[in-house]
C-alpha atoms as a PDB file:
ATOM      1  CA  MET A   1      74.942  84.449  72.771  1.00  0.00           C
ATOM      2  CA  SER A   2      78.426  85.678  73.636  1.00  0.00           C
ATOM      3  CA  GLU A   3      79.946  85.068  77.056  1.00  0.00           C
ATOM      4  CA  VAL A   4      79.893  88.014  79.446  1.00  0.00           C
ATOM      5  CA  ILE A   5      82.349  88.224  82.344  1.00  0.00           C
ATOM      6  CA  ILE A   6      82.312  90.782  85.143  1.00  0.00           C
ATOM      7  CA  ARG A   7      85.526  91.045  87.128  1.00  0.00           C
ATOM      8  CA  GLU A   8      87.531  93.446  89.246  1.00  0.00           C
ATOM      9  CA  ALA A   9      89.465  96.028  87.272  1.00  0.00           C
ATOM     10  CA  ARG A  10      93.257  95.926  87.266  1.00  0.00           C
ATOM     11  CA  PRO A  11      95.693  98.788  86.628  1.00  0.00           C
ATOM     12  CA  GLU A  12      96.717  97.089  83.378  1.00  0.00           C
ATOM     13  CA  ASP A  13      93.115  97.563  82.162  1.00  0.00           C
ATOM     14  CA  ALA A  14      93.636 101.321  82.243  1.00  0.00           C
ATOM     15  CA  GLU A  15      94.502 101.692  78.565  1.00  0.00           C
ATOM     16  CA  ARG A  16      91.206 100.145  77.420  1.00  0.00           C
ATOM     17  CA  LEU A  17      89.188 101.924  80.109  1.00  0.00           C
ATOM     18  CA  LEU A  18      90.772 105.216  79.138  1.00  0.00           C
ATOM     19  CA  GLU A  19      89.884 104.536  75.507  1.00  0.00           C
ATOM     20  CA  ILE A  20      86.233 104.172  76.561  1.00  0.00           C
ATOM     21  CA  TYR A  21      86.347 107.228  78.833  1.00  0.00           C
ATOM     22  CA  ALA A  22      88.121 109.461  76.306  1.00  0.00           C
ATOM     23  CA  TYR A  23      85.065 109.450  74.057  1.00  0.00           C
ATOM     24  CA  TYR A  24      82.937 110.899  76.869  1.00  0.00           C
ATOM     25  CA  VAL A  25      85.516 113.554  77.768  1.00  0.00           C
ATOM     26  CA  GLU A  26      86.145 114.691  74.190  1.00  0.00           C
ATOM     27  CA  ASN A  27      82.647 114.414  72.708  1.00  0.00           C
ATOM     28  CA  THR A  28      80.071 114.756  75.467  1.00  0.00           C
ATOM     29  CA  ALA A  29      79.122 116.717  78.547  1.00  0.00           C
ATOM     30  CA  ILE A  30      78.560 113.439  80.421  1.00  0.00           C
ATOM     31  CA  SER A  31      81.995 113.952  81.968  1.00  0.00           C
ATOM     32  CA  PHE A  32      82.799 117.465  83.104  1.00  0.00           C
ATOM     33  CA  GLU A  33      86.516 116.887  82.518  1.00  0.00           C
ATOM     34  CA  TYR A  34      87.913 118.966  79.670  1.00  0.00           C
ATOM     35  CA  ASP A  35      91.027 116.898  78.988  1.00  0.00           C
ATOM     36  CA  VAL A  36      91.550 113.155  78.803  1.00  0.00           C
ATOM     37  CA  PRO A  37      93.736 112.127  81.744  1.00  0.00           C
ATOM     38  CA  ALA A  38      97.165 110.647  81.122  1.00  0.00           C
ATOM     39  CA  LEU A  39      97.376 106.861  81.251  1.00  0.00           C
ATOM     40  CA  SER A  40      99.490 106.972  84.426  1.00  0.00           C
ATOM     41  CA  GLU A  41      96.924 109.192  86.151  1.00  0.00           C
ATOM     42  CA  PHE A  42      94.107 106.872  85.115  1.00  0.00           C
ATOM     43  CA  GLN A  43      96.027 103.868  86.480  1.00  0.00           C
ATOM     44  CA  GLU A  44      96.395 105.702  89.789  1.00  0.00           C
ATOM     45  CA  ARG A  45      92.666 106.430  89.867  1.00  0.00           C
ATOM     46  CA  ILE A  46      91.971 102.712  89.513  1.00  0.00           C
ATOM     47  CA  LYS A  47      94.489 101.783  92.228  1.00  0.00           C
ATOM     48  CA  ASN A  48      93.160 104.421  94.622  1.00  0.00           C
ATOM     49  CA  THR A  49      89.552 103.363  94.114  1.00  0.00           C
ATOM     50  CA  LEU A  50      90.386  99.698  94.676  1.00  0.00           C
ATOM     51  CA  LYS A  51      91.867 100.518  98.090  1.00  0.00           C
ATOM     52  CA  HIS A  52      88.353 101.080  99.462  1.00  0.00           C
ATOM     53  CA  TYR A  53      85.688 100.372  96.838  1.00  0.00           C
ATOM     54  CA  PRO A  54      84.848  98.006  94.002  1.00  0.00           C
ATOM     55  CA  TYR A  55      85.924  98.861  90.469  1.00  0.00           C
ATOM     56  CA  LEU A  56      84.464  96.419  87.943  1.00  0.00           C
ATOM     57  CA  VAL A  57      84.849  95.791  84.232  1.00  0.00           C
ATOM     58  CA  ILE A  58      82.519  93.887  81.951  1.00  0.00           C
ATOM     59  CA  GLU A  59      83.944  91.806  79.125  1.00  0.00           C
ATOM     60  CA  ARG A  60      82.160  90.348  76.145  1.00  0.00           C
ATOM     61  CA  GLU A  61      84.028  87.982  73.845  1.00  0.00           C
ATOM     62  CA  GLY A  62      87.248  88.729  75.734  1.00  0.00           C
ATOM     63  CA  ARG A  63      87.110  92.513  75.248  1.00  0.00           C
ATOM     64  CA  ILE A  64      86.292  95.073  77.933  1.00  0.00           C
ATOM     65  CA  GLN A  65      83.015  96.771  77.009  1.00  0.00           C
ATOM     66  CA  GLY A  66      82.611  99.007  80.031  1.00  0.00           C
ATOM     67  CA  TYR A  67      83.377  99.695  83.651  1.00  0.00           C
ATOM     68  CA  ALA A  68      81.725 100.902  86.829  1.00  0.00           C
ATOM     69  CA  TYR A  69      83.094 101.884  90.197  1.00  0.00           C
ATOM     70  CA  ALA A  70      82.117 103.325  93.532  1.00  0.00           C
ATOM     71  CA  GLY A  71      83.753 106.065  95.529  1.00  0.00           C
ATOM     72  CA  ALA A  72      83.276 108.012  98.712  1.00  0.00           C
ATOM     73  CA  LEU A  73      80.237 110.262  98.841  1.00  0.00           C
ATOM     74  CA  GLY A  74      82.071 112.559 101.230  1.00  0.00           C
ATOM     75  CA  GLU A  75      85.260 112.659 103.259  1.00  0.00           C
ATOM     76  CA  ARG A  76      83.692 112.574 106.730  1.00  0.00           C
ATOM     77  CA  ALA A  77      83.174 109.324 108.649  1.00  0.00           C
ATOM     78  CA  ALA A  78      79.392 109.710 108.780  1.00  0.00           C
ATOM     79  CA  TYR A  79      79.253 109.106 105.002  1.00  0.00           C
ATOM     80  CA  SER A  80      80.762 105.618 105.348  1.00  0.00           C
ATOM     81  CA  ARG A  81      77.483 103.801 104.564  1.00  0.00           C
ATOM     82  CA  SER A  82      76.942 105.761 101.353  1.00  0.00           C
ATOM     83  CA  CYS A  83      78.838 105.938  98.077  1.00  0.00           C
ATOM     84  CA  GLU A  84      78.821 107.589  94.672  1.00  0.00           C
ATOM     85  CA  LEU A  85      78.788 105.487  91.501  1.00  0.00           C
ATOM     86  CA  SER A  86      80.035 105.962  87.952  1.00  0.00           C
ATOM     87  CA  VAL A  87      79.535 103.802  84.873  1.00  0.00           C
ATOM     88  CA  TYR A  88      80.954 104.104  81.352  1.00  0.00           C
ATOM     89  CA  LEU A  89      80.264 101.813  78.417  1.00  0.00           C
ATOM     90  CA  ASP A  90      81.887 101.581  75.034  1.00  0.00           C
ATOM     91  CA  ARG A  91      79.625 103.341  72.542  1.00  0.00           C
ATOM     92  CA  SER A  92      78.984 100.042  70.748  1.00  0.00           C
ATOM     93  CA  ALA A  93      77.902  98.376  74.005  1.00  0.00           C
ATOM     94  CA  ARG A  94      75.120 100.737  75.020  1.00  0.00           C
ATOM     95  CA  ARG A  95      71.476  99.679  75.212  1.00  0.00           C
ATOM     96  CA  CYS A  96      72.195  95.939  75.244  1.00  0.00           C
ATOM     97  CA  GLY A  97      71.951  95.204  78.979  1.00  0.00           C
ATOM     98  CA  LEU A  98      75.646  95.348  79.866  1.00  0.00           C
ATOM     99  CA  GLY A  99      75.299  98.495  81.966  1.00  0.00           C
ATOM    100  CA  ARG A 100      72.471  96.926  83.958  1.00  0.00           C
ATOM    101  CA  GLN A 101      74.521  93.761  84.581  1.00  0.00           C
ATOM    102  CA  LEU A 102      77.527  95.803  85.624  1.00  0.00           C
ATOM    103  CA  TYR A 103      75.540  97.966  88.040  1.00  0.00           C
ATOM    104  CA  ARG A 104      73.827  94.938  89.591  1.00  0.00           C
ATOM    105  CA  ALA A 105      77.209  93.303  90.224  1.00  0.00           C
ATOM    106  CA  LEU A 106      78.495  96.558  91.728  1.00  0.00           C
ATOM    107  CA  GLU A 107      75.407  96.852  93.928  1.00  0.00           C
ATOM    108  CA  ASP A 108      75.894  93.282  95.205  1.00  0.00           C
ATOM    109  CA  ARG A 109      79.480  94.038  96.206  1.00  0.00           C
ATOM    110  CA  LEU A 110      78.472  97.270  97.900  1.00  0.00           C
ATOM    111  CA  LYS A 111      75.792  95.472  99.917  1.00  0.00           C
ATOM    112  CA  GLU A 112      78.445  93.000 101.087  1.00  0.00           C
ATOM    113  CA  MET A 113      80.504  95.988 102.275  1.00  0.00           C
ATOM    114  CA  GLY A 114      77.579  97.333 104.311  1.00  0.00           C
ATOM    115  CA  ILE A 115      76.786 100.225 101.979  1.00  0.00           C
ATOM    116  CA  LEU A 116      73.151 101.308 102.353  1.00  0.00           C
ATOM    117  CA  ASN A 117      72.798 104.257  99.973  1.00  0.00           C
ATOM    118  CA  MET A 118      74.098 104.606  96.414  1.00  0.00           C
ATOM    119  CA  TYR A 119      74.221 107.983  94.675  1.00  0.00           C
ATOM    120  CA  ALA A 120      74.865 109.058  91.118  1.00  0.00           C
ATOM    121  CA  CYS A 121      75.763 112.600  90.086  1.00  0.00           C
ATOM    122  CA  ILE A 122      74.589 112.936  86.490  1.00  0.00           C
ATOM    123  CA  ALA A 123      75.036 115.738  83.977  1.00  0.00           C
ATOM    124  CA  TYR A 124      71.592 116.810  82.830  1.00  0.00           C
ATOM    125  CA  PRO A 125      70.578 119.279  80.130  1.00  0.00           C
ATOM    126  CA  ASP A 126      67.901 121.953  80.253  1.00  0.00           C
ATOM    127  CA  LYS A 127      67.501 121.119  76.582  1.00  0.00           C
ATOM    128  CA  GLU A 128      69.041 118.065  74.937  1.00  0.00           C
ATOM    129  CA  ASP A 129      71.813 118.850  72.461  1.00  0.00           C
ATOM    130  CA  GLU A 130      74.586 117.060  70.569  1.00  0.00           C
ATOM    131  CA  TYR A 131      76.679 116.804  73.758  1.00  0.00           C
ATOM    132  CA  LEU A 132      74.141 115.681  76.336  1.00  0.00           C
ATOM    133  CA  ASN A 133      70.741 114.035  76.628  1.00  0.00           C
ATOM    134  CA  SER A 134      68.763 112.515  79.496  1.00  0.00           C
ATOM    135  CA  ASN A 135      69.718 108.883  78.766  1.00  0.00           C
ATOM    136  CA  SER A 136      71.912 108.474  81.852  1.00  0.00           C
ATOM    137  CA  ALA A 137      69.214 109.752  84.206  1.00  0.00           C
ATOM    138  CA  ASP A 138      66.654 107.547  82.447  1.00  0.00           C
ATOM    139  CA  PHE A 139      68.985 104.537  82.823  1.00  0.00           C
ATOM    140  CA  HIS A 140      69.352 105.160  86.550  1.00  0.00           C
ATOM    141  CA  THR A 141      65.586 105.569  86.961  1.00  0.00           C
ATOM    142  CA  HIS A 142      65.116 102.212  85.223  1.00  0.00           C
ATOM    143  CA  LEU A 143      67.496 100.677  87.789  1.00  0.00           C
ATOM    144  CA  GLY A 144      65.484 101.978  90.736  1.00  0.00           C
ATOM    145  CA  PHE A 145      67.209 105.283  91.448  1.00  0.00           C
ATOM    146  CA  THR A 146      65.117 108.335  92.279  1.00  0.00           C
ATOM    147  CA  ARG A 147      66.022 111.936  91.641  1.00  0.00           C
ATOM    148  CA  VAL A 148      66.740 113.742  94.889  1.00  0.00           C
ATOM    149  CA  GLY A 149      68.303 116.999  93.766  1.00  0.00           C
ATOM    150  CA  LYS A 150      69.231 119.265  90.903  1.00  0.00           C
ATOM    151  CA  PHE A 151      72.018 121.829  90.657  1.00  0.00           C
ATOM    152  CA  HIS A 152      71.359 124.399  87.955  1.00  0.00           C
ATOM    153  CA  LYS A 153      73.971 125.478  85.413  1.00  0.00           C
ATOM    154  CA  CYS A 154      76.887 124.292  87.529  1.00  0.00           C
ATOM    155  CA  GLY A 155      79.008 122.778  84.742  1.00  0.00           C
ATOM    156  CA  PHE A 156      80.343 124.700  81.742  1.00  0.00           C
ATOM    157  CA  LYS A 157      81.607 122.711  78.767  1.00  0.00           C
ATOM    158  CA  PHE A 158      81.622 123.245  75.003  1.00  0.00           C
ATOM    159  CA  GLY A 159      80.566 126.855  75.576  1.00  0.00           C
ATOM    160  CA  ARG A 160      77.316 125.842  77.289  1.00  0.00           C
ATOM    161  CA  TRP A 161      75.968 125.488  80.796  1.00  0.00           C
ATOM    162  CA  TYR A 162      74.772 122.130  82.075  1.00  0.00           C
ATOM    163  CA  ASN A 163      72.952 121.012  85.201  1.00  0.00           C
ATOM    164  CA  ILE A 164      73.586 118.009  87.366  1.00  0.00           C
ATOM    165  CA  VAL A 165      71.005 115.828  89.027  1.00  0.00           C
ATOM    166  CA  TRP A 166      71.649 113.678  92.052  1.00  0.00           C
ATOM    167  CA  MET A 167      69.964 110.292  92.054  1.00  0.00           C
ATOM    168  CA  GLU A 168      69.698 107.898  94.989  1.00  0.00           C
ATOM    169  CA  LYS A 169      69.011 104.223  95.511  1.00  0.00           C
ATOM    170  CA  ILE A 170      68.601 102.750  98.977  1.00  0.00           C
ATOM    171  CA  ILE A 171      69.995  99.199  98.994  1.00  0.00           C
ATOM    172  CA  GLY A 172      69.961  98.339 102.693  1.00  0.00           C
ATOM    173  CA  ARG A 173      67.974  98.726 105.862  1.00  0.00           C
ATOM    174  CA  HIS A 174      68.791 101.691 108.081  1.00  0.00           C
ATOM    175  CA  GLU A 175      68.772 100.508 111.686  1.00  0.00           C
ATOM    176  CA  GLU A 176      68.022 103.152 114.300  1.00  0.00           C
END
């Protein structure tokens, strides 16, 4: 079995992370971005995230296979115990447990920060097509997330309308 390492992302990882992300931008409706960001912009995204939240990469055999990060759920102070998550895996690294390991490590770090609620905003099709299926929502369900909302036809990409679903996982105790 090959060695798996999970570590904090660094700006110099941006080229490999962007390579992973570009596939999703160019070939899927998983990301609602139309254009792959420039490397410098992607480096800034990493730096900005790391100022307040964890941004993790997973390596297998010395090569980054995916990444996950958290970000603010909202700008107001009352959201400070909640966050939104994103995860992207290299196409060759899907369905082999790396995403689960990455999310568990991210969840552990968020608990240490005092985060109580994790949310995922996931593109979701009315009907599966070549650009989008329900795998991401299914993955999150498998990890203990529950669906808490659906926005209908709110994203337009590849000449088609797509929905988003919001999924939630409570990871801490809410004291009154």
